[in-house]
Amino acid sequence: MPEALRIFYEADRETYGARHDLLVARAWGSPPIDYRIEVDNREYQRTLSQLQFLASQAARMGQGLRLKL
């Protein structure tokens, strides 16, 4: 559990003022087309906060936590 919490807190530190624009695919044509995803930073921060709370509560109660990505 401590390792999962460390990852969540580390990710959270990198979100402030960040813009997440991810390239997910590229079609090579004429002209080439990029398919991108832009992540809503506020929602990303909210989700990380909820994951931090879930992991810390599980650890406090002596429970495990399994995440499937």
PDB file of N, CA and C in Angstrom:
ATOM      1  N   MET A   1       0.808  -1.202   0.000  1.00  0.00           N
ATOM      2  CA  MET A   1       0.000   0.000   0.000  1.00  0.00           C
ATOM      3  C   MET A   1       0.851   1.266   0.000  1.00  0.00           C
ATOM      4  N   PRO A   2       1.934   1.307   0.751  1.00  0.00           N
ATOM      5  CA  PRO A   2       2.745   2.525   0.741  1.00  0.00           C
ATOM      6  C   PRO A   2       3.270   2.874  -0.662  1.00  0.00           C
ATOM      7  N   GLU A   3       3.591   1.871  -1.453  1.00  0.00           N
ATOM      8  CA  GLU A   3       4.096   2.126  -2.805  1.00  0.00           C
ATOM      9  C   GLU A   3       3.013   2.759  -3.680  1.00  0.00           C
ATOM     10  N   ALA A   4       1.779   2.270  -3.565  1.00  0.00           N
ATOM     11  CA  ALA A   4       0.669   2.849  -4.337  1.00  0.00           C
ATOM     12  C   ALA A   4       0.433   4.301  -3.913  1.00  0.00           C
ATOM     13  N   LEU A   5       0.447   4.565  -2.616  1.00  0.00           N
ATOM     14  CA  LEU A   5       0.268   5.937  -2.134  1.00  0.00           C
ATOM     15  C   LEU A   5       1.381   6.855  -2.630  1.00  0.00           C
ATOM     16  N   ARG A   6       2.606   6.351  -2.649  1.00  0.00           N
ATOM     17  CA  ARG A   6       3.732   7.146  -3.131  1.00  0.00           C
ATOM     18  C   ARG A   6       3.517   7.537  -4.591  1.00  0.00           C
ATOM     19  N   ILE A   7       3.049   6.596  -5.407  1.00  0.00           N
ATOM     20  CA  ILE A   7       2.790   6.874  -6.824  1.00  0.00           C
ATOM     21  C   ILE A   7       1.694   7.919  -6.978  1.00  0.00           C
ATOM     22  N   PHE A   8       0.612   7.792  -6.210  1.00  0.00           N
ATOM     23  CA  PHE A   8      -0.494   8.753  -6.308  1.00  0.00           C
ATOM     24  C   PHE A   8      -0.044  10.156  -5.893  1.00  0.00           C
ATOM     25  N   TYR A   9       0.720  10.252  -4.789  1.00  0.00           N
ATOM     26  CA  TYR A   9       1.181  11.564  -4.335  1.00  0.00           C
ATOM     27  C   TYR A   9       2.178  12.176  -5.316  1.00  0.00           C
ATOM     28  N   GLU A  10       3.042  11.342  -5.887  1.00  0.00           N
ATOM     29  CA  GLU A  10       4.011  11.832  -6.867  1.00  0.00           C
ATOM     30  C   GLU A  10       3.299  12.352  -8.120  1.00  0.00           C
ATOM     31  N   ALA A  11       2.293  11.629  -8.577  1.00  0.00           N
ATOM     32  CA  ALA A  11       1.521  12.068  -9.741  1.00  0.00           C
ATOM     33  C   ALA A  11       0.791  13.370  -9.437  1.00  0.00           C
ATOM     34  N   ASP A  12       0.267  13.485  -8.223  1.00  0.00           N
ATOM     35  CA  ASP A  12      -0.470  14.684  -7.837  1.00  0.00           C
ATOM     36  C   ASP A  12       0.422  15.925  -7.834  1.00  0.00           C
ATOM     37  N   ARG A  13       1.675  15.768  -7.408  1.00  0.00           N
ATOM     38  CA  ARG A  13       2.610  16.905  -7.391  1.00  0.00           C
ATOM     39  C   ARG A  13       2.880  17.443  -8.793  1.00  0.00           C
ATOM     40  N   GLU A  14       2.730  16.603  -9.804  1.00  0.00           N
ATOM     41  CA  GLU A  14       3.030  17.006 -11.178  1.00  0.00           C
ATOM     42  C   GLU A  14       1.827  17.606 -11.904  1.00  0.00           C
ATOM     43  N   THR A  15       0.684  17.706 -11.244  1.00  0.00           N
ATOM     44  CA  THR A  15      -0.519  18.156 -11.945  1.00  0.00           C
ATOM     45  C   THR A  15      -0.718  19.663 -11.923  1.00  0.00           C
ATOM     46  N   TYR A  16      -0.194  20.355 -10.927  1.00  0.00           N
ATOM     47  CA  TYR A  16      -0.504  21.771 -10.771  1.00  0.00           C
ATOM     48  C   TYR A  16       0.057  22.601 -11.926  1.00  0.00           C
ATOM     49  N   GLY A  17      -0.845  23.265 -12.613  1.00  0.00           N
ATOM     50  CA  GLY A  17      -0.474  24.099 -13.742  1.00  0.00           C
ATOM     51  C   GLY A  17      -0.125  23.317 -14.994  1.00  0.00           C
ATOM     52  N   ALA A  18      -0.288  22.017 -14.956  1.00  0.00           N
ATOM     53  CA  ALA A  18       0.085  21.182 -16.097  1.00  0.00           C
ATOM     54  C   ALA A  18      -1.053  21.093 -17.105  1.00  0.00           C
ATOM     55  N   ARG A  19      -0.673  20.822 -18.327  1.00  0.00           N
ATOM     56  CA  ARG A  19      -1.646  20.566 -19.388  1.00  0.00           C
ATOM     57  C   ARG A  19      -1.311  19.199 -19.955  1.00  0.00           C
ATOM     58  N   HIS A  20      -2.270  18.323 -19.988  1.00  0.00           N
ATOM     59  CA  HIS A  20      -2.048  16.955 -20.442  1.00  0.00           C
ATOM     60  C   HIS A  20      -2.695  16.778 -21.812  1.00  0.00           C
ATOM     61  N   ASP A  21      -1.874  16.749 -22.831  1.00  0.00           N
ATOM     62  CA  ASP A  21      -2.322  16.589 -24.206  1.00  0.00           C
ATOM     63  C   ASP A  21      -1.551  15.395 -24.764  1.00  0.00           C
ATOM     64  N   LEU A  22      -2.217  14.253 -24.873  1.00  0.00           N
ATOM     65  CA  LEU A  22      -1.538  13.004 -25.196  1.00  0.00           C
ATOM     66  C   LEU A  22      -1.834  12.547 -26.623  1.00  0.00           C
ATOM     67  N   LEU A  23      -0.780  12.219 -27.344  1.00  0.00           N
ATOM     68  CA  LEU A  23      -0.928  11.649 -28.674  1.00  0.00           C
ATOM     69  C   LEU A  23      -1.269  10.170 -28.520  1.00  0.00           C
ATOM     70  N   VAL A  24      -2.400   9.733 -29.077  1.00  0.00           N
ATOM     71  CA  VAL A  24      -2.796   8.329 -28.944  1.00  0.00           C
ATOM     72  C   VAL A  24      -2.663   7.552 -30.252  1.00  0.00           C
ATOM     73  N   ALA A  25      -2.678   8.251 -31.384  1.00  0.00           N
ATOM     74  CA  ALA A  25      -2.509   7.570 -32.672  1.00  0.00           C
ATOM     75  C   ALA A  25      -2.168   8.607 -33.735  1.00  0.00           C
ATOM     76  N   ARG A  26      -1.568   8.104 -34.808  1.00  0.00           N
ATOM     77  CA  ARG A  26      -1.245   8.974 -35.937  1.00  0.00           C
ATOM     78  C   ARG A  26      -1.573   8.214 -37.221  1.00  0.00           C
ATOM     79  N   ALA A  27      -2.313   8.868 -38.079  1.00  0.00           N
ATOM     80  CA  ALA A  27      -2.642   8.288 -39.384  1.00  0.00           C
ATOM     81  C   ALA A  27      -1.759   8.970 -40.423  1.00  0.00           C
ATOM     82  N   TRP A  28      -0.910   8.182 -41.067  1.00  0.00           N
ATOM     83  CA  TRP A  28       0.003   8.744 -42.070  1.00  0.00           C
ATOM     84  C   TRP A  28      -0.720   8.815 -43.394  1.00  0.00           C
ATOM     85  N   GLY A  29      -1.166   9.960 -43.724  1.00  0.00           N
ATOM     86  CA  GLY A  29      -1.859  10.182 -44.988  1.00  0.00           C
ATOM     87  C   GLY A  29      -1.449  11.523 -45.534  1.00  0.00           C
ATOM     88  N   SER A  30      -2.241  12.015 -46.391  1.00  0.00           N
ATOM     89  CA  SER A  30      -1.969  13.332 -46.943  1.00  0.00           C
ATOM     90  C   SER A  30      -3.190  14.204 -46.730  1.00  0.00           C
ATOM     91  N   PRO A  31      -3.235  15.018 -45.734  1.00  0.00           N
ATOM     92  CA  PRO A  31      -2.208  15.281 -44.719  1.00  0.00           C
ATOM     93  C   PRO A  31      -2.271  14.254 -43.588  1.00  0.00           C
ATOM     94  N   PRO A  32      -1.183  14.099 -42.827  1.00  0.00           N
ATOM     95  CA  PRO A  32      -1.222  13.184 -41.668  1.00  0.00           C
ATOM     96  C   PRO A  32      -2.175  13.727 -40.608  1.00  0.00           C
ATOM     97  N   ILE A  33      -2.802  12.812 -39.881  1.00  0.00           N
ATOM     98  CA  ILE A  33      -3.771  13.193 -38.846  1.00  0.00           C
ATOM     99  C   ILE A  33      -3.295  12.658 -37.506  1.00  0.00           C
ATOM    100  N   ASP A  34      -3.250  13.540 -36.504  1.00  0.00           N
ATOM    101  CA  ASP A  34      -2.933  13.137 -35.128  1.00  0.00           C
ATOM    102  C   ASP A  34      -4.233  13.015 -34.346  1.00  0.00           C
ATOM    103  N   TYR A  35      -4.375  11.906 -33.615  1.00  0.00           N
ATOM    104  CA  TYR A  35      -5.513  11.714 -32.714  1.00  0.00           C
ATOM    105  C   TYR A  35      -4.980  11.919 -31.303  1.00  0.00           C
ATOM    106  N   ARG A  36      -5.550  12.881 -30.604  1.00  0.00           N
ATOM    107  CA  ARG A  36      -5.043  13.275 -29.301  1.00  0.00           C
ATOM    108  C   ARG A  36      -6.162  13.266 -28.254  1.00  0.00           C
ATOM    109  N   ILE A  37      -5.757  13.124 -27.002  1.00  0.00           N
ATOM    110  CA  ILE A  37      -6.672  13.227 -25.864  1.00  0.00           C
ATOM    111  C   ILE A  37      -6.152  14.349 -24.974  1.00  0.00           C
ATOM    112  N   GLU A  38      -7.022  15.271 -24.620  1.00  0.00           N
ATOM    113  CA  GLU A  38      -6.664  16.316 -23.675  1.00  0.00           C
ATOM    114  C   GLU A  38      -7.365  16.000 -22.355  1.00  0.00           C
ATOM    115  N   VAL A  39      -6.580  15.865 -21.313  1.00  0.00           N
ATOM    116  CA  VAL A  39      -7.097  15.489 -20.000  1.00  0.00           C
ATOM    117  C   VAL A  39      -7.501  16.751 -19.240  1.00  0.00           C
ATOM    118  N   ASP A  40      -8.698  16.717 -18.672  1.00  0.00           N
ATOM    119  CA  ASP A  40      -9.165  17.821 -17.815  1.00  0.00           C
ATOM    120  C   ASP A  40      -8.375  17.757 -16.515  1.00  0.00           C
ATOM    121  N   ASN A  41      -7.486  18.708 -16.315  1.00  0.00           N
ATOM    122  CA  ASN A  41      -6.582  18.690 -15.167  1.00  0.00           C
ATOM    123  C   ASN A  41      -7.324  18.681 -13.837  1.00  0.00           C
ATOM    124  N   ARG A  42      -8.404  19.420 -13.733  1.00  0.00           N
ATOM    125  CA  ARG A  42      -9.162  19.468 -12.477  1.00  0.00           C
ATOM    126  C   ARG A  42      -9.755  18.090 -12.143  1.00  0.00           C
ATOM    127  N   GLU A  43     -10.298  17.410 -13.144  1.00  0.00           N
ATOM    128  CA  GLU A  43     -10.862  16.071 -12.929  1.00  0.00           C
ATOM    129  C   GLU A  43      -9.761  15.063 -12.586  1.00  0.00           C
ATOM    130  N   TYR A  44      -8.615  15.219 -13.242  1.00  0.00           N
ATOM    131  CA  TYR A  44      -7.467  14.353 -12.969  1.00  0.00           C
ATOM    132  C   TYR A  44      -7.022  14.509 -11.512  1.00  0.00           C
ATOM    133  N   GLN A  45      -6.938  15.750 -11.022  1.00  0.00           N
ATOM    134  CA  GLN A  45      -6.559  16.000  -9.634  1.00  0.00           C
ATOM    135  C   GLN A  45      -7.591  15.423  -8.668  1.00  0.00           C
ATOM    136  N   ARG A  46      -8.862  15.581  -9.007  1.00  0.00           N
ATOM    137  CA  ARG A  46      -9.935  15.060  -8.147  1.00  0.00           C
ATOM    138  C   ARG A  46      -9.846  13.535  -8.053  1.00  0.00           C
ATOM    139  N   THR A  47      -9.602  12.890  -9.183  1.00  0.00           N
ATOM    140  CA  THR A  47      -9.501  11.428  -9.204  1.00  0.00           C
ATOM    141  C   THR A  47      -8.295  10.952  -8.403  1.00  0.00           C
ATOM    142  N   LEU A  48      -7.147  11.625  -8.564  1.00  0.00           N
ATOM    143  CA  LEU A  48      -5.975  11.258  -7.772  1.00  0.00           C
ATOM    144  C   LEU A  48      -6.248  11.413  -6.279  1.00  0.00           C
ATOM    145  N   SER A  49      -6.932  12.461  -5.895  1.00  0.00           N
ATOM    146  CA  SER A  49      -7.269  12.687  -4.491  1.00  0.00           C
ATOM    147  C   SER A  49      -8.141  11.551  -3.953  1.00  0.00           C
ATOM    148  N   GLN A  50      -9.099  11.120  -4.744  1.00  0.00           N
ATOM    149  CA  GLN A  50      -9.974  10.021  -4.326  1.00  0.00           C
ATOM    150  C   GLN A  50      -9.193   8.713  -4.208  1.00  0.00           C
ATOM    151  N   LEU A  51      -8.251   8.480  -5.122  1.00  0.00           N
ATOM    152  CA  LEU A  51      -7.422   7.277  -5.042  1.00  0.00           C
ATOM    153  C   LEU A  51      -6.521   7.318  -3.807  1.00  0.00           C
ATOM    154  N   GLN A  52      -5.985   8.492  -3.480  1.00  0.00           N
ATOM    155  CA  GLN A  52      -5.171   8.633  -2.282  1.00  0.00           C
ATOM    156  C   GLN A  52      -5.997   8.312  -1.037  1.00  0.00           C
ATOM    157  N   PHE A  53      -7.207   8.838  -0.979  1.00  0.00           N
ATOM    158  CA  PHE A  53      -8.082   8.585   0.165  1.00  0.00           C
ATOM    159  C   PHE A  53      -8.415   7.097   0.273  1.00  0.00           C
ATOM    160  N   LEU A  54      -8.786   6.468  -0.853  1.00  0.00           N
ATOM    161  CA  LEU A  54      -9.121   5.048  -0.865  1.00  0.00           C
ATOM    162  C   LEU A  54      -7.954   4.197  -0.374  1.00  0.00           C
ATOM    163  N   ALA A  55      -6.758   4.468  -0.895  1.00  0.00           N
ATOM    164  CA  ALA A  55      -5.584   3.682  -0.517  1.00  0.00           C
ATOM    165  C   ALA A  55      -5.222   3.891   0.951  1.00  0.00           C
ATOM    166  N   SER A  56      -5.287   5.125   1.430  1.00  0.00           N
ATOM    167  CA  SER A  56      -4.922   5.368   2.833  1.00  0.00           C
ATOM    168  C   SER A  56      -5.941   4.760   3.789  1.00  0.00           C
ATOM    169  N   GLN A  57      -7.211   4.817   3.443  1.00  0.00           N
ATOM    170  CA  GLN A  57      -8.246   4.205   4.290  1.00  0.00           C
ATOM    171  C   GLN A  57      -8.101   2.682   4.316  1.00  0.00           C
ATOM    172  N   ALA A  58      -7.819   2.094   3.171  1.00  0.00           N
ATOM    173  CA  ALA A  58      -7.626   0.638   3.117  1.00  0.00           C
ATOM    174  C   ALA A  58      -6.432   0.242   3.973  1.00  0.00           C
ATOM    175  N   ALA A  59      -5.345   0.989   3.876  1.00  0.00           N
ATOM    176  CA  ALA A  59      -4.153   0.674   4.672  1.00  0.00           C
ATOM    177  C   ALA A  59      -4.447   0.826   6.161  1.00  0.00           C
ATOM    178  N   ARG A  60      -5.173   1.870   6.524  1.00  0.00           N
ATOM    179  CA  ARG A  60      -5.521   2.113   7.924  1.00  0.00           C
ATOM    180  C   ARG A  60      -6.365   0.978   8.497  1.00  0.00           C
ATOM    181  N   MET A  61      -7.205   0.389   7.651  1.00  0.00           N
ATOM    182  CA  MET A  61      -8.099  -0.691   8.099  1.00  0.00           C
ATOM    183  C   MET A  61      -7.469  -2.071   7.937  1.00  0.00           C
ATOM    184  N   GLY A  62      -6.216  -2.104   7.460  1.00  0.00           N
ATOM    185  CA  GLY A  62      -5.537  -3.384   7.279  1.00  0.00           C
ATOM    186  C   GLY A  62      -6.031  -4.148   6.058  1.00  0.00           C
ATOM    187  N   GLN A  63      -6.608  -3.443   5.122  1.00  0.00           N
ATOM    188  CA  GLN A  63      -7.143  -4.071   3.912  1.00  0.00           C
ATOM    189  C   GLN A  63      -6.171  -3.888   2.754  1.00  0.00           C
ATOM    190  N   GLY A  64      -6.325  -4.736   1.742  1.00  0.00           N
ATOM    191  CA  GLY A  64      -5.545  -4.606   0.527  1.00  0.00           C
ATOM    192  C   GLY A  64      -6.307  -3.779  -0.483  1.00  0.00           C
ATOM    193  N   LEU A  65      -5.634  -3.486  -1.561  1.00  0.00           N
ATOM    194  CA  LEU A  65      -6.250  -2.677  -2.616  1.00  0.00           C
ATOM    195  C   LEU A  65      -5.758  -3.220  -3.948  1.00  0.00           C
ATOM    196  N   ARG A  66      -6.683  -3.547  -4.829  1.00  0.00           N
ATOM    197  CA  ARG A  66      -6.319  -4.043  -6.154  1.00  0.00           C
ATOM    198  C   ARG A  66      -6.888  -3.093  -7.191  1.00  0.00           C
ATOM    199  N   LEU A  67      -6.008  -2.562  -8.015  1.00  0.00           N
ATOM    200  CA  LEU A  67      -6.420  -1.653  -9.074  1.00  0.00           C
ATOM    201  C   LEU A  67      -6.130  -2.297 -10.419  1.00  0.00           C
ATOM    202  N   LYS A  68      -7.077  -2.226 -11.308  1.00  0.00           N
ATOM    203  CA  LYS A  68      -6.881  -2.753 -12.647  1.00  0.00           C
ATOM    204  C   LYS A  68      -6.950  -1.573 -13.607  1.00  0.00           C
ATOM    205  N   LEU A  69      -5.866  -1.340 -14.310  1.00  0.00           N
ATOM    206  CA  LEU A  69      -5.792  -0.223 -15.235  1.00  0.00           C
ATOM    207  C   LEU A  69      -5.992  -0.686 -16.651  1.00  0.00           C
TER     208      LEU A  69
END
